Amino acid sequence: MTNRGPSSRLVRSVFLMFLVVPTLWTVGRWTEPPIGVDAVSAVTPGHVSVVGARMLPETFDAAAADSLVRRTMYFSGGVHKAFDGDTRWVLIRAAHDVAPAARASHLLILEATLLAIRNAAAEADLALLVGKLDGGDDTWHTQIAQQLQGPRLASIGVELLLVSEEETEAIDVPDSGMAADFYDLPIALLECDAVINIAHARTPLAALKNLSGLARPTSQTTDADAVLVDQALLAEVSYTLSHLQVPGGQQMILASRDGVAIDRVAAQVTGAASDSASLAALHLAHTRFLGQSDLADIKVSGADVPGTWVAPKEDNPEENETE
């Protein structure tokens, strides 16, 4: 297992931020970036906060979940892009807020995703990070543990880590936090090589809110949105998958390195785009370069989502010629 200490990861984050920030100033004035920026890759090229595939299976079983995850990975460019060649320890953040009625299908999505991650990082140690620093839903944690012992996952060796039992360290947010300067953070998050966020889009901001509870401000604060953004900066998520259950029982997964874009597209798909409070939180995340919050600058592959970016049609003089 590669041990990457707190200082090296924070220095890397700050360095990436400095790579980006100078390009956003022109002759002393702020220029709105035409690109999505996240805390891991620093720059997402062009209008390509690319999110993944859509499928509407008649019945939702393990085979349907596998197919849905495979198509999503294909359209989003492959989960292997979240890893460096020397990746040795990957943390997967399981959804911590899933309604009982939706848990069976989400467990199938989790299972299919873990198999895909194992395939992409065959030599890495995998650990599933569940719950919050202050505890969580014990029944849900037990169901996840049972899924890990099932016939498809038992052999791939996924460790289960309860956040509430992990040792923590007080860490300062790169470039200062929006709600607090210091947060208690599980040391596992500081030492791992990659974090994969698997959210369940039951409510707006599913991807951001799934990071809630991973870090706890050391001082009192009442700004919930700012805390979410600080936690996202500290978690440095490499890849986000969000499992949606849209009206009519349809299943959808969105996937991208850009979790903010995931939440913005999910809001559009589920009809939550009118939730001004949630959109404000996404715009706040955008100001810290965590991702793209402008729907018009997000390209979606594998599904038609009104309002997202579409490549302009090239003028073809031959089409204007008369015969």
Protein backbone atom coordinates (compact mmCIF):
# COMPACT_ATOMS: atom_id res chain seq x y z
CA MET A 1 0.00 0.00 0.00
CA THR A 2 1.42 3.41 -0.92
CA ASN A 3 1.43 5.82 2.00
CA ARG A 4 0.93 9.37 0.83
CA GLY A 5 0.95 11.62 3.84
CA PRO A 6 -1.21 14.69 4.51
CA SER A 7 1.43 17.22 3.47
CA SER A 8 2.06 15.71 0.03
CA ARG A 9 -1.63 15.57 -0.87
CA LEU A 10 -2.32 19.13 0.28
CA VAL A 11 0.73 20.47 -1.54
CA ARG A 12 -0.45 18.69 -4.69
CA SER A 13 -3.91 20.24 -4.37
CA VAL A 14 -2.55 23.75 -3.83
CA PHE A 15 -0.12 23.35 -6.72
CA LEU A 16 -2.94 22.35 -9.06
CA MET A 17 -4.97 25.34 -7.94
CA PHE A 18 -2.08 27.68 -8.74
CA LEU A 19 -1.80 26.14 -12.19
CA VAL A 20 -5.35 27.21 -12.89
CA VAL A 21 -5.89 30.53 -11.16
CA PRO A 22 -3.42 32.71 -13.14
CA THR A 23 -5.17 31.81 -16.40
CA LEU A 24 -8.44 33.26 -15.10
CA TRP A 25 -7.17 36.85 -14.80
CA THR A 26 -6.84 39.17 -17.79
CA VAL A 27 -5.28 42.64 -17.38
CA GLY A 28 -6.26 42.78 -13.73
CA ARG A 29 -9.87 41.73 -14.13
CA TRP A 30 -11.60 38.44 -13.38
CA THR A 31 -12.52 36.32 -16.41
CA GLU A 32 -15.20 33.66 -16.06
CA PRO A 33 -13.52 30.37 -17.05
CA PRO A 34 -15.00 28.68 -20.15
CA ILE A 35 -13.94 25.31 -18.75
CA GLY A 36 -14.92 23.10 -15.85
CA VAL A 37 -12.22 22.81 -13.19
CA ASP A 38 -11.97 20.20 -10.45
CA ALA A 39 -9.61 19.67 -7.54
CA VAL A 40 -8.00 16.54 -8.97
CA SER A 41 -7.36 17.01 -12.68
CA ALA A 42 -7.19 20.84 -12.42
CA VAL A 43 -8.61 21.35 -15.91
CA THR A 44 -11.43 19.64 -17.76
CA PRO A 45 -10.78 20.48 -21.45
CA GLY A 46 -13.30 22.57 -23.34
CA HIS A 47 -17.01 22.18 -22.75
CA VAL A 48 -16.52 18.61 -21.63
CA SER A 49 -17.63 18.00 -18.10
CA VAL A 50 -18.70 14.70 -19.65
CA VAL A 51 -21.33 12.66 -17.87
CA GLY A 52 -22.36 9.16 -18.71
CA ALA A 53 -24.99 6.87 -20.08
CA ARG A 54 -28.69 6.28 -19.82
CA MET A 55 -30.53 2.98 -19.99
CA LEU A 56 -34.12 2.07 -19.19
CA PRO A 57 -34.26 -1.65 -18.34
CA GLU A 58 -37.67 -3.29 -18.10
CA THR A 59 -36.50 -5.30 -15.10
CA PHE A 60 -33.69 -4.30 -12.81
CA ASP A 61 -31.50 -7.19 -11.75
CA ALA A 62 -27.76 -7.85 -11.53
CA ALA A 63 -27.45 -8.25 -15.30
CA ALA A 64 -29.26 -4.95 -15.91
CA ALA A 65 -27.07 -3.20 -13.33
CA ASP A 66 -23.91 -4.58 -14.96
CA SER A 67 -25.07 -3.40 -18.38
CA LEU A 68 -25.99 0.03 -17.06
CA VAL A 69 -22.64 0.49 -15.32
CA ARG A 70 -20.67 -0.77 -18.35
CA ARG A 71 -22.44 1.66 -20.69
CA THR A 72 -21.92 4.49 -18.24
CA MET A 73 -18.22 3.77 -17.93
CA TYR A 74 -17.91 3.59 -21.71
CA PHE A 75 -19.59 6.94 -22.33
CA SER A 76 -17.69 8.68 -19.54
CA GLY A 77 -14.32 7.49 -20.81
CA GLY A 78 -13.68 4.72 -18.30
CA VAL A 79 -13.23 4.71 -14.54
CA HIS A 80 -9.57 3.80 -15.06
CA LYS A 81 -8.95 7.50 -15.73
CA ALA A 82 -9.36 8.10 -12.01
CA PHE A 83 -6.18 6.16 -11.24
CA ASP A 84 -2.48 6.70 -11.76
CA GLY A 85 -0.42 3.76 -12.92
CA ASP A 86 1.02 3.29 -9.42
CA THR A 87 -2.31 3.44 -7.57
CA ARG A 88 -2.25 1.04 -4.63
CA TRP A 89 -5.18 2.08 -2.41
CA VAL A 90 -8.61 3.18 -3.63
CA LEU A 91 -11.39 4.35 -1.33
CA ILE A 92 -14.97 4.07 -2.56
CA ARG A 93 -17.49 6.32 -0.84
CA ALA A 94 -20.78 4.42 -0.64
CA ALA A 95 -24.04 6.36 -0.59
CA HIS A 96 -24.97 7.04 3.02
CA ASP A 97 -28.54 8.25 2.48
CA VAL A 98 -30.62 5.71 0.55
CA ALA A 99 -34.31 5.17 1.28
CA PRO A 100 -35.20 1.56 2.26
CA ALA A 101 -37.32 1.08 -0.88
CA ALA A 102 -34.38 2.00 -3.14
CA ARG A 103 -31.65 0.03 -1.38
CA ALA A 104 -31.96 -3.23 -3.31
CA SER A 105 -31.36 -1.58 -6.68
CA HIS A 106 -28.61 0.66 -5.31
CA LEU A 107 -26.78 -2.36 -3.87
CA LEU A 108 -26.81 -3.88 -7.36
CA ILE A 109 -25.34 -0.65 -8.76
CA LEU A 110 -22.71 -0.65 -6.00
CA GLU A 111 -21.84 -4.28 -6.73
CA ALA A 112 -21.48 -3.69 -10.48
CA THR A 113 -19.38 -0.58 -9.87
CA LEU A 114 -17.03 -2.35 -7.46
CA LEU A 115 -16.47 -5.07 -10.06
CA ALA A 116 -15.68 -2.40 -12.67
CA ILE A 117 -13.26 -0.65 -10.31
CA ARG A 118 -11.54 -3.95 -9.51
CA ASN A 119 -11.17 -4.59 -13.23
CA ALA A 120 -9.66 -1.12 -13.73
CA ALA A 121 -7.30 -1.33 -10.73
CA ALA A 122 -6.52 -5.03 -10.50
CA GLU A 123 -3.53 -4.66 -8.15
CA ALA A 124 -4.94 -2.00 -5.83
CA ASP A 125 -6.43 -2.49 -2.38
CA LEU A 126 -10.09 -1.44 -2.36
CA ALA A 127 -11.92 -0.12 0.69
CA LEU A 128 -15.56 0.92 0.99
CA LEU A 129 -16.01 4.01 3.16
CA VAL A 130 -19.45 4.05 4.83
CA GLY A 131 -21.24 6.21 7.36
CA LYS A 132 -20.24 9.52 8.89
CA LEU A 133 -17.93 10.73 11.61
CA ASP A 134 -20.95 10.91 13.91
CA GLY A 135 -22.21 7.42 13.00
CA GLY A 136 -24.93 6.73 10.45
CA ASP A 137 -27.55 4.10 9.64
CA ASP A 138 -26.38 0.80 11.15
CA THR A 139 -29.02 -1.19 9.23
CA TRP A 140 -27.77 0.20 5.92
CA HIS A 141 -24.17 -0.51 6.88
CA THR A 142 -25.10 -4.12 7.65
CA GLN A 143 -26.80 -4.51 4.27
CA ILE A 144 -23.69 -3.20 2.52
CA ALA A 145 -21.48 -5.60 4.50
CA GLN A 146 -23.72 -8.52 3.52
CA GLN A 147 -23.49 -7.50 -0.16
CA LEU A 148 -19.69 -7.55 0.08
CA GLN A 149 -19.88 -11.17 1.27
CA GLY A 150 -22.10 -12.21 -1.63
CA PRO A 151 -20.91 -14.62 -4.34
CA ARG A 152 -19.83 -11.90 -6.77
CA LEU A 153 -17.86 -9.68 -4.40
CA ALA A 154 -16.40 -11.99 -1.75
CA SER A 155 -13.46 -12.96 -3.95
CA ILE A 156 -12.36 -9.45 -4.98
CA GLY A 157 -11.36 -8.37 -1.48
CA VAL A 158 -13.10 -5.11 -0.57
CA GLU A 159 -12.47 -3.84 2.96
CA LEU A 160 -15.32 -2.12 4.83
CA LEU A 161 -14.33 1.01 6.76
CA LEU A 162 -16.76 2.75 9.13
CA VAL A 163 -15.97 6.46 9.09
CA SER A 164 -16.97 6.78 12.75
CA GLU A 165 -14.24 4.30 13.74
CA GLU A 166 -11.45 5.85 11.67
CA GLU A 167 -8.67 7.87 13.28
CA THR A 168 -8.83 11.54 12.29
CA GLU A 169 -6.47 14.47 11.96
CA ALA A 170 -7.21 18.22 11.92
CA ILE A 171 -6.42 19.45 8.40
CA ASP A 172 -6.56 22.94 6.93
CA VAL A 173 -8.48 23.42 3.68
CA PRO A 174 -6.28 24.39 0.69
CA ASP A 175 -6.39 28.17 0.15
CA SER A 176 -8.53 28.47 3.33
CA GLY A 177 -12.00 27.05 3.86
CA MET A 178 -15.27 28.75 3.09
CA ALA A 179 -16.91 27.82 6.39
CA ALA A 180 -13.95 26.91 8.60
CA ASP A 181 -10.19 26.72 8.21
CA PHE A 182 -9.68 23.36 9.92
CA TYR A 183 -11.60 20.08 9.65
CA ASP A 184 -11.25 16.69 11.31
CA LEU A 185 -10.59 14.27 8.44
CA PRO A 186 -10.17 10.47 8.49
CA ILE A 187 -6.50 9.67 7.98
CA ALA A 188 -7.50 7.06 5.40
CA LEU A 189 -8.61 9.90 3.10
CA LEU A 190 -5.19 11.49 3.44
CA GLU A 191 -3.26 8.31 2.69
CA CYS A 192 -5.28 6.79 -0.17
CA ASP A 193 -4.43 7.24 -3.84
CA ALA A 194 -7.94 7.85 -5.17
CA VAL A 195 -11.49 8.39 -3.96
CA ILE A 196 -14.52 7.23 -5.96
CA ASN A 197 -17.85 8.79 -4.95
CA ILE A 198 -20.95 6.63 -5.57
CA ALA A 199 -23.99 8.72 -4.72
CA HIS A 200 -27.71 8.00 -4.81
CA ALA A 201 -29.54 10.96 -6.35
CA ARG A 202 -32.59 10.87 -4.14
CA THR A 203 -32.30 14.58 -3.39
CA PRO A 204 -30.59 17.54 -5.11
CA LEU A 205 -26.83 17.81 -4.54
CA ALA A 206 -26.50 14.04 -4.11
CA ALA A 207 -22.82 13.96 -5.11
CA LEU A 208 -21.82 16.84 -2.85
CA LYS A 209 -24.02 15.69 0.04
CA ASN A 210 -22.59 12.17 -0.14
CA LEU A 211 -19.32 13.69 1.07
CA SER A 212 -21.12 15.11 4.11
CA GLY A 213 -19.84 13.61 7.33
CA LEU A 214 -16.41 12.73 5.94
CA ALA A 215 -14.96 15.91 7.43
CA ARG A 216 -16.10 17.87 10.46
CA PRO A 217 -15.27 21.55 11.04
CA THR A 218 -13.29 22.06 14.22
CA SER A 219 -15.15 25.33 14.89
CA GLN A 220 -18.85 26.18 14.95
CA THR A 221 -20.40 27.16 11.62
CA THR A 222 -23.93 27.56 10.27
CA ASP A 223 -23.20 27.77 6.53
CA ALA A 224 -24.14 24.27 5.33
CA ASP A 225 -23.34 24.93 1.65
CA ALA A 226 -19.88 26.25 2.48
CA VAL A 227 -19.21 23.17 4.63
CA LEU A 228 -20.19 20.93 1.68
CA VAL A 229 -17.72 22.74 -0.56
CA ASP A 230 -14.95 22.52 2.05
CA GLN A 231 -15.57 18.79 2.46
CA ALA A 232 -15.39 18.30 -1.30
CA LEU A 233 -12.07 20.15 -1.42
CA LEU A 234 -10.68 17.97 1.35
CA ALA A 235 -11.96 14.68 -0.10
CA GLU A 236 -10.41 15.33 -3.54
CA VAL A 237 -12.83 12.97 -5.29
CA SER A 238 -11.35 11.49 -8.46
CA TYR A 239 -14.52 10.12 -10.03
CA THR A 240 -18.23 10.44 -9.25
CA LEU A 241 -21.07 8.12 -10.16
CA SER A 242 -24.63 9.05 -9.27
CA HIS A 243 -27.44 6.51 -9.41
CA LEU A 244 -30.78 8.13 -10.26
CA GLN A 245 -34.26 6.73 -10.02
CA VAL A 246 -36.32 8.99 -12.23
CA PRO A 247 -40.13 9.10 -12.60
CA GLY A 248 -41.63 5.93 -14.01
CA GLY A 249 -39.16 3.63 -12.27
CA GLN A 250 -36.43 4.34 -14.83
CA GLN A 251 -32.82 3.82 -13.77
CA MET A 252 -29.99 6.11 -14.81
CA ILE A 253 -26.35 6.57 -13.88
CA LEU A 254 -24.33 9.73 -14.46
CA ALA A 255 -20.54 9.50 -14.28
CA SER A 256 -17.75 12.05 -14.52
CA ARG A 257 -14.59 13.35 -12.88
CA ASP A 258 -16.72 16.45 -12.25
CA GLY A 259 -19.11 15.87 -9.36
CA VAL A 260 -20.58 19.37 -9.61
CA ALA A 261 -21.59 18.70 -13.22
CA ILE A 262 -23.12 15.42 -12.08
CA ASP A 263 -25.33 17.25 -9.58
CA ARG A 264 -26.28 19.93 -12.11
CA VAL A 265 -27.33 17.41 -14.76
CA ALA A 266 -29.11 15.25 -12.17
CA ALA A 267 -31.13 18.28 -11.09
CA GLN A 268 -32.14 18.86 -14.70
CA VAL A 269 -33.08 15.23 -15.31
CA THR A 270 -35.10 14.80 -12.12
CA GLY A 271 -36.91 18.11 -12.37
CA ALA A 272 -35.12 19.68 -9.41
CA ALA A 273 -33.52 22.44 -11.48
CA SER A 274 -35.95 24.97 -10.01
CA ASP A 275 -34.43 24.44 -6.55
CA SER A 276 -32.60 27.76 -6.31
CA ALA A 277 -30.93 26.85 -3.00
CA SER A 278 -29.30 23.77 -4.51
CA LEU A 279 -28.20 25.65 -7.62
CA ALA A 280 -26.64 28.31 -5.38
CA ALA A 281 -24.61 25.61 -3.64
CA LEU A 282 -23.37 24.31 -7.01
CA HIS A 283 -22.38 27.82 -8.09
CA LEU A 284 -20.50 28.17 -4.80
CA ALA A 285 -18.64 24.93 -5.56
CA HIS A 286 -17.85 26.30 -9.02
CA THR A 287 -16.19 29.37 -7.49
CA ARG A 288 -13.74 27.01 -5.75
CA PHE A 289 -12.98 25.26 -9.06
CA LEU A 290 -14.64 22.01 -7.99
CA GLY A 291 -16.56 21.67 -11.23
CA GLN A 292 -18.89 23.12 -13.82
CA SER A 293 -22.26 24.43 -12.63
CA ASP A 294 -23.43 26.07 -15.87
CA LEU A 295 -25.61 23.57 -17.71
CA ALA A 296 -24.80 25.15 -21.07
CA ASP A 297 -21.11 24.30 -20.57
CA ILE A 298 -21.71 20.63 -19.74
CA LYS A 299 -21.59 18.04 -22.51
CA VAL A 300 -23.63 14.90 -21.93
CA SER A 301 -22.85 11.66 -23.76
CA GLY A 302 -25.35 8.82 -23.96
CA ALA A 303 -28.50 10.80 -23.18
CA ASP A 304 -30.32 13.88 -24.41
CA VAL A 305 -30.55 16.46 -21.64
CA PRO A 306 -32.13 19.78 -22.72
CA GLY A 307 -29.99 22.82 -22.00
CA THR A 308 -26.61 21.07 -22.06
CA TRP A 309 -23.84 22.00 -24.46
CA VAL A 310 -24.16 20.93 -28.09
CA ALA A 311 -21.39 21.36 -30.65
CA PRO A 312 -22.25 24.14 -33.11
CA LYS A 313 -23.08 22.96 -36.60
CA GLU A 314 -20.42 23.79 -39.14
CA ASP A 315 -21.54 25.79 -42.12
CA ASN A 316 -21.41 23.70 -45.27
CA PRO A 317 -21.41 25.88 -48.41
CA GLU A 318 -22.36 22.89 -50.54
CA GLU A 319 -25.66 22.56 -48.66
CA ASN A 320 -26.57 26.10 -49.73
CA GLU A 321 -25.94 25.46 -53.42
CA THR A 322 -28.95 25.05 -55.69
CA GLU A 323 -28.99 22.42 -58.38
